Amino acid sequence: MKEALLTLGLFFILVSAVGKTDRFRDERSALLKIINSQFAESSGTTSILRMSPSVEKSMRDTPRSQFIPQYLRRYSYANRPLSIGHGQTISQPFIVALMTEVIRPKKSHVVLEVGTGSGYQAAVLSPLVKEVHSIEIIPQLAKKSKILLKGLGYKNIFSYTGDGYYGLSKHRQSNRKIPDLFDSIIVTAASSHIPPSLIKQLKIGGKMIIPVGGTFQVQYLILVEKSATGVKSKNILPVRFVPLTRN
């Protein structure tokens, strides 16, 4: 009987979450149009005219409202960053879509995300790749996002708490399942430079997208590509991110 009550309770929680997501159906559709419009406007710099069908589907299906504090949920599908507490934000949807597009995700890819935050970027990546390994330095956010992602049914997102500047190199001794190298790396906070430790964890042929610049300086999204002959980088777009927190 106790198990039946727990199952029934979980059913009502899931139904409630679906109801809240459906409530935003029109807002989600409008947001996707705005994002594609921004892709077209920025295509001279990014070389991307619009979202690919797979990324657009993930942006449509991922319930951004679930990753936002209750008091801000009326803005869930506004194309703007929002506070998630602890001095951090959930990124503007256009930027999330752009960062996802530029790494060219594939179903076979294993991706590292530095800066889990709310968990939204990891959730968008989840259906597009094999695995997402995401690290967050703020323990409260790391715990909250891990519980949320698990509750929403994401099974290929693996969460860690620690200093993302070093990627997952310091976690490998305690968990042999952590990959040595990643197909792609997404950094969701601004660093003053491109961390060498992250370049080392990028596969040959891999891509990393990272905002670079100081808090009160112009920041740029930079695409880093690693080949057998070296590393090249390209400025994608001026942006504004919270700084990469360090221990």
Protein backbone atom coordinates (compact mmCIF):
# COMPACT_ATOMS: atom_id res chain seq x y z
CA MET A 1 0.00 0.00 0.00
CA LYS A 2 2.84 2.37 0.88
CA GLU A 3 4.51 1.71 -2.49
CA ALA A 4 1.20 2.29 -4.26
CA LEU A 5 0.76 5.65 -2.52
CA LEU A 6 4.30 6.69 -3.42
CA THR A 7 3.70 5.72 -7.05
CA LEU A 8 0.43 7.63 -7.10
CA GLY A 9 2.12 10.66 -5.57
CA LEU A 10 4.85 10.57 -8.22
CA PHE A 11 2.18 10.29 -10.93
CA PHE A 12 0.48 13.48 -9.75
CA ILE A 13 3.82 15.31 -9.56
CA LEU A 14 4.60 14.34 -13.16
CA VAL A 15 1.13 15.29 -14.36
CA SER A 16 1.51 18.66 -12.64
CA ALA A 17 4.89 19.25 -14.30
CA VAL A 18 3.47 18.37 -17.73
CA GLY A 19 0.56 20.72 -17.14
CA LYS A 20 2.90 23.58 -16.31
CA THR A 21 4.97 22.86 -19.41
CA ASP A 22 1.89 22.77 -21.68
CA ARG A 23 0.78 26.09 -20.23
CA PHE A 24 3.77 27.66 -21.94
CA ARG A 25 3.22 26.04 -25.36
CA ASP A 26 2.53 29.29 -27.22
CA GLU A 27 5.38 31.08 -25.47
CA ARG A 28 7.79 28.29 -26.45
CA SER A 29 6.73 28.50 -30.09
CA ALA A 30 7.16 32.28 -30.09
CA LEU A 31 10.58 31.92 -28.47
CA LEU A 32 11.80 29.52 -31.15
CA LYS A 33 10.86 32.04 -33.83
CA ILE A 34 12.78 34.77 -31.99
CA ILE A 35 15.84 32.50 -31.64
CA ASN A 36 15.84 31.64 -35.34
CA SER A 37 15.50 35.33 -36.13
CA GLN A 38 18.59 36.03 -34.02
CA PHE A 39 20.47 33.25 -35.78
CA ALA A 40 19.67 34.89 -39.11
CA GLU A 41 20.74 38.32 -37.84
CA SER A 42 24.05 37.02 -36.47
CA SER A 43 24.81 34.60 -39.32
CA GLY A 44 27.45 36.92 -40.76
CA THR A 45 29.53 36.20 -37.67
CA THR A 46 28.37 32.73 -36.68
CA SER A 47 27.78 31.28 -40.19
CA ILE A 48 24.61 29.62 -38.85
CA LEU A 49 21.36 30.73 -40.49
CA ARG A 50 18.98 28.93 -38.15
CA MET A 51 18.78 26.12 -35.63
CA SER A 52 19.20 22.60 -36.96
CA PRO A 53 16.05 20.45 -36.62
CA SER A 54 17.55 18.40 -33.77
CA VAL A 55 18.62 21.41 -31.72
CA GLU A 56 15.30 23.16 -32.35
CA LYS A 57 13.43 20.07 -31.16
CA SER A 58 15.51 19.90 -28.01
CA MET A 59 14.96 23.59 -27.31
CA ARG A 60 11.21 23.05 -27.80
CA ASP A 61 11.03 19.92 -25.65
CA THR A 62 13.24 21.05 -22.74
CA PRO A 63 10.99 22.58 -20.05
CA ARG A 64 12.95 25.76 -19.20
CA SER A 65 10.25 26.65 -16.69
CA GLN A 66 11.39 23.77 -14.47
CA PHE A 67 14.92 25.22 -14.20
CA ILE A 68 13.80 28.65 -13.01
CA PRO A 69 12.80 29.79 -9.50
CA GLN A 70 9.05 29.79 -8.97
CA TYR A 71 8.80 33.58 -8.63
CA LEU A 72 10.36 34.07 -12.10
CA ARG A 73 8.50 31.36 -14.01
CA ARG A 74 6.28 33.82 -15.83
CA TYR A 75 9.46 34.80 -17.72
CA SER A 76 10.45 31.17 -18.48
CA TYR A 77 10.27 31.57 -22.25
CA ALA A 78 11.44 35.15 -22.54
CA ASN A 79 14.69 35.38 -24.51
CA ARG A 80 16.70 36.66 -21.57
CA PRO A 81 18.93 35.37 -18.76
CA LEU A 82 17.32 34.99 -15.33
CA SER A 83 18.66 34.74 -11.80
CA ILE A 84 18.90 31.30 -10.22
CA GLY A 85 20.45 32.51 -6.96
CA HIS A 86 24.00 32.44 -5.60
CA GLY A 87 24.97 35.21 -8.03
CA GLN A 88 24.37 32.92 -11.03
CA THR A 89 21.99 32.99 -13.99
CA ILE A 90 20.28 30.67 -16.44
CA SER A 91 21.53 31.76 -19.86
CA GLN A 92 19.51 33.48 -22.56
CA PRO A 93 17.88 30.76 -24.71
CA PHE A 94 19.46 32.09 -27.91
CA ILE A 95 22.92 31.72 -26.36
CA VAL A 96 22.11 28.19 -25.17
CA ALA A 97 21.00 27.26 -28.68
CA LEU A 98 24.04 28.92 -30.25
CA MET A 99 26.54 27.21 -27.95
CA THR A 100 24.84 23.91 -28.66
CA GLU A 101 24.93 24.43 -32.42
CA VAL A 102 28.57 25.46 -32.72
CA ILE A 103 29.90 22.28 -31.12
CA ARG A 104 27.98 20.21 -33.73
CA PRO A 105 26.67 17.57 -31.30
CA LYS A 106 26.29 13.96 -32.46
CA LYS A 107 24.61 10.96 -30.85
CA SER A 108 27.99 9.32 -30.32
CA HIS A 109 29.53 12.34 -28.55
CA VAL A 110 30.55 12.60 -24.91
CA VAL A 111 30.41 16.22 -23.78
CA LEU A 112 31.86 18.07 -20.79
CA GLU A 113 29.97 21.06 -19.43
CA VAL A 114 31.76 23.42 -17.05
CA GLY A 115 29.22 25.26 -14.93
CA THR A 116 26.03 23.22 -14.46
CA GLY A 117 24.13 26.11 -12.91
CA SER A 118 20.43 25.30 -13.13
CA GLY A 119 21.04 22.25 -15.34
CA TYR A 120 19.27 23.74 -18.37
CA GLN A 121 22.18 23.61 -20.84
CA ALA A 122 22.90 20.00 -19.86
CA ALA A 123 19.22 19.16 -20.39
CA VAL A 124 19.25 20.70 -23.88
CA LEU A 125 22.36 18.66 -24.76
CA SER A 126 21.04 15.40 -23.32
CA PRO A 127 18.94 14.12 -26.28
CA LEU A 128 21.60 15.20 -28.79
CA VAL A 129 24.60 13.28 -27.44
CA LYS A 130 25.60 10.00 -25.78
CA GLU A 131 26.66 11.49 -22.41
CA VAL A 132 26.88 14.86 -20.69
CA HIS A 133 29.35 15.21 -17.81
CA SER A 134 28.62 18.45 -15.97
CA ILE A 135 30.57 20.05 -13.12
CA GLU A 136 29.44 22.86 -10.80
CA ILE A 137 31.56 24.62 -8.18
CA ILE A 138 28.71 25.93 -6.00
CA PRO A 139 27.57 22.97 -3.85
CA GLN A 140 23.99 24.19 -3.41
CA LEU A 141 23.47 24.55 -7.16
CA ALA A 142 25.23 21.26 -7.87
CA LYS A 143 22.94 19.39 -5.48
CA LYS A 144 19.77 21.13 -6.68
CA SER A 145 20.46 20.59 -10.39
CA LYS A 146 21.41 16.94 -9.85
CA ILE A 147 18.12 16.24 -8.07
CA LEU A 148 16.12 18.17 -10.68
CA LEU A 149 17.73 16.47 -13.69
CA LYS A 150 17.21 13.05 -12.14
CA GLY A 151 13.60 13.89 -11.31
CA LEU A 152 12.95 15.00 -14.89
CA GLY A 153 14.25 11.65 -16.18
CA TYR A 154 17.61 12.60 -17.71
CA LYS A 155 19.65 9.40 -17.54
CA ASN A 156 22.75 10.36 -19.53
CA ILE A 157 23.73 13.43 -17.49
CA PHE A 158 26.44 12.83 -14.88
CA SER A 159 26.92 15.53 -12.24
CA TYR A 160 29.99 16.52 -10.24
CA THR A 161 30.83 19.16 -7.66
CA GLY A 162 34.17 20.93 -8.01
CA ASP A 163 36.33 23.51 -9.78
CA GLY A 164 35.50 23.24 -13.46
CA TYR A 165 38.65 25.11 -14.50
CA TYR A 166 40.40 21.75 -14.26
CA GLY A 167 37.62 19.86 -16.00
CA LEU A 168 37.21 16.40 -14.50
CA SER A 169 40.91 15.57 -14.18
CA LYS A 170 40.74 15.68 -10.37
CA HIS A 171 37.74 13.33 -10.25
CA ARG A 172 39.18 10.43 -12.28
CA GLN A 173 41.01 8.81 -9.40
CA SER A 174 37.72 8.23 -7.59
CA ASN A 175 35.67 7.23 -10.64
CA ARG A 176 37.17 5.20 -13.47
CA LYS A 177 34.08 5.70 -15.64
CA ILE A 178 34.93 9.36 -16.26
CA PRO A 179 36.28 9.77 -19.82
CA ASP A 180 39.86 10.88 -20.31
CA LEU A 181 38.91 13.00 -23.33
CA PHE A 182 35.73 14.67 -24.60
CA ASP A 183 34.32 15.24 -28.07
CA SER A 184 33.15 18.70 -27.02
CA ILE A 185 33.37 21.07 -24.06
CA ILE A 186 30.90 23.83 -23.21
CA VAL A 187 31.91 26.43 -20.62
CA THR A 188 29.00 28.47 -19.29
CA ALA A 189 30.91 31.16 -17.38
CA ALA A 190 33.49 33.70 -18.53
CA SER A 191 37.18 32.98 -18.03
CA SER A 192 39.97 35.51 -18.42
CA HIS A 193 41.70 33.00 -20.70
CA ILE A 194 41.19 29.58 -22.25
CA PRO A 195 42.16 27.03 -19.56
CA PRO A 196 44.99 24.76 -20.78
CA SER A 197 43.61 21.95 -18.63
CA LEU A 198 40.40 21.94 -20.70
CA ILE A 199 42.28 21.90 -24.01
CA LYS A 200 44.14 18.81 -22.76
CA GLN A 201 40.82 17.05 -22.14
CA LEU A 202 39.53 17.78 -25.65
CA LYS A 203 39.83 15.03 -28.27
CA ILE A 204 41.64 15.58 -31.53
CA GLY A 205 38.93 16.92 -33.81
CA GLY A 206 36.98 18.18 -30.80
CA LYS A 207 35.40 21.59 -30.23
CA MET A 208 35.13 23.82 -27.18
CA ILE A 209 32.92 26.88 -26.83
CA ILE A 210 33.85 29.28 -24.04
CA PRO A 211 33.16 32.94 -23.16
CA VAL A 212 36.45 34.77 -22.59
CA GLY A 213 36.88 38.19 -21.00
CA GLY A 214 36.70 40.00 -17.69
CA THR A 215 33.55 40.92 -15.78
CA PHE A 216 33.77 44.58 -16.78
CA GLN A 217 35.36 43.96 -20.18
CA VAL A 218 34.04 42.88 -23.56
CA GLN A 219 33.58 39.15 -23.55
CA TYR A 220 33.52 36.96 -26.64
CA LEU A 221 32.23 33.50 -27.23
CA ILE A 222 35.27 31.72 -28.61
CA LEU A 223 35.17 28.48 -30.55
CA VAL A 224 38.28 26.37 -29.97
CA GLU A 225 39.04 23.51 -32.37
CA LYS A 226 41.76 20.97 -31.69
CA SER A 227 43.51 19.13 -34.49
CA ALA A 228 46.53 16.87 -34.76
CA THR A 229 48.62 19.89 -35.72
CA GLY A 230 47.49 22.26 -32.99
CA VAL A 231 44.67 24.43 -31.67
CA LYS A 232 42.87 27.25 -33.43
CA SER A 233 40.29 29.66 -32.06
CA LYS A 234 37.64 31.93 -33.52
CA ASN A 235 35.58 34.77 -32.03
CA ILE A 236 31.90 33.97 -32.50
CA LEU A 237 29.92 36.73 -30.79
CA PRO A 238 30.21 39.38 -28.05
CA VAL A 239 28.44 38.16 -24.91
CA ARG A 240 28.01 38.81 -21.19
CA PHE A 241 28.45 35.93 -18.72
CA VAL A 242 29.01 35.71 -14.99
CA PRO A 243 32.68 35.03 -14.18
CA LEU A 244 34.05 31.50 -13.91
CA THR A 245 34.22 30.86 -10.18
CA ARG A 246 37.43 29.31 -8.85
CA ASN A 247 38.39 27.59 -5.62
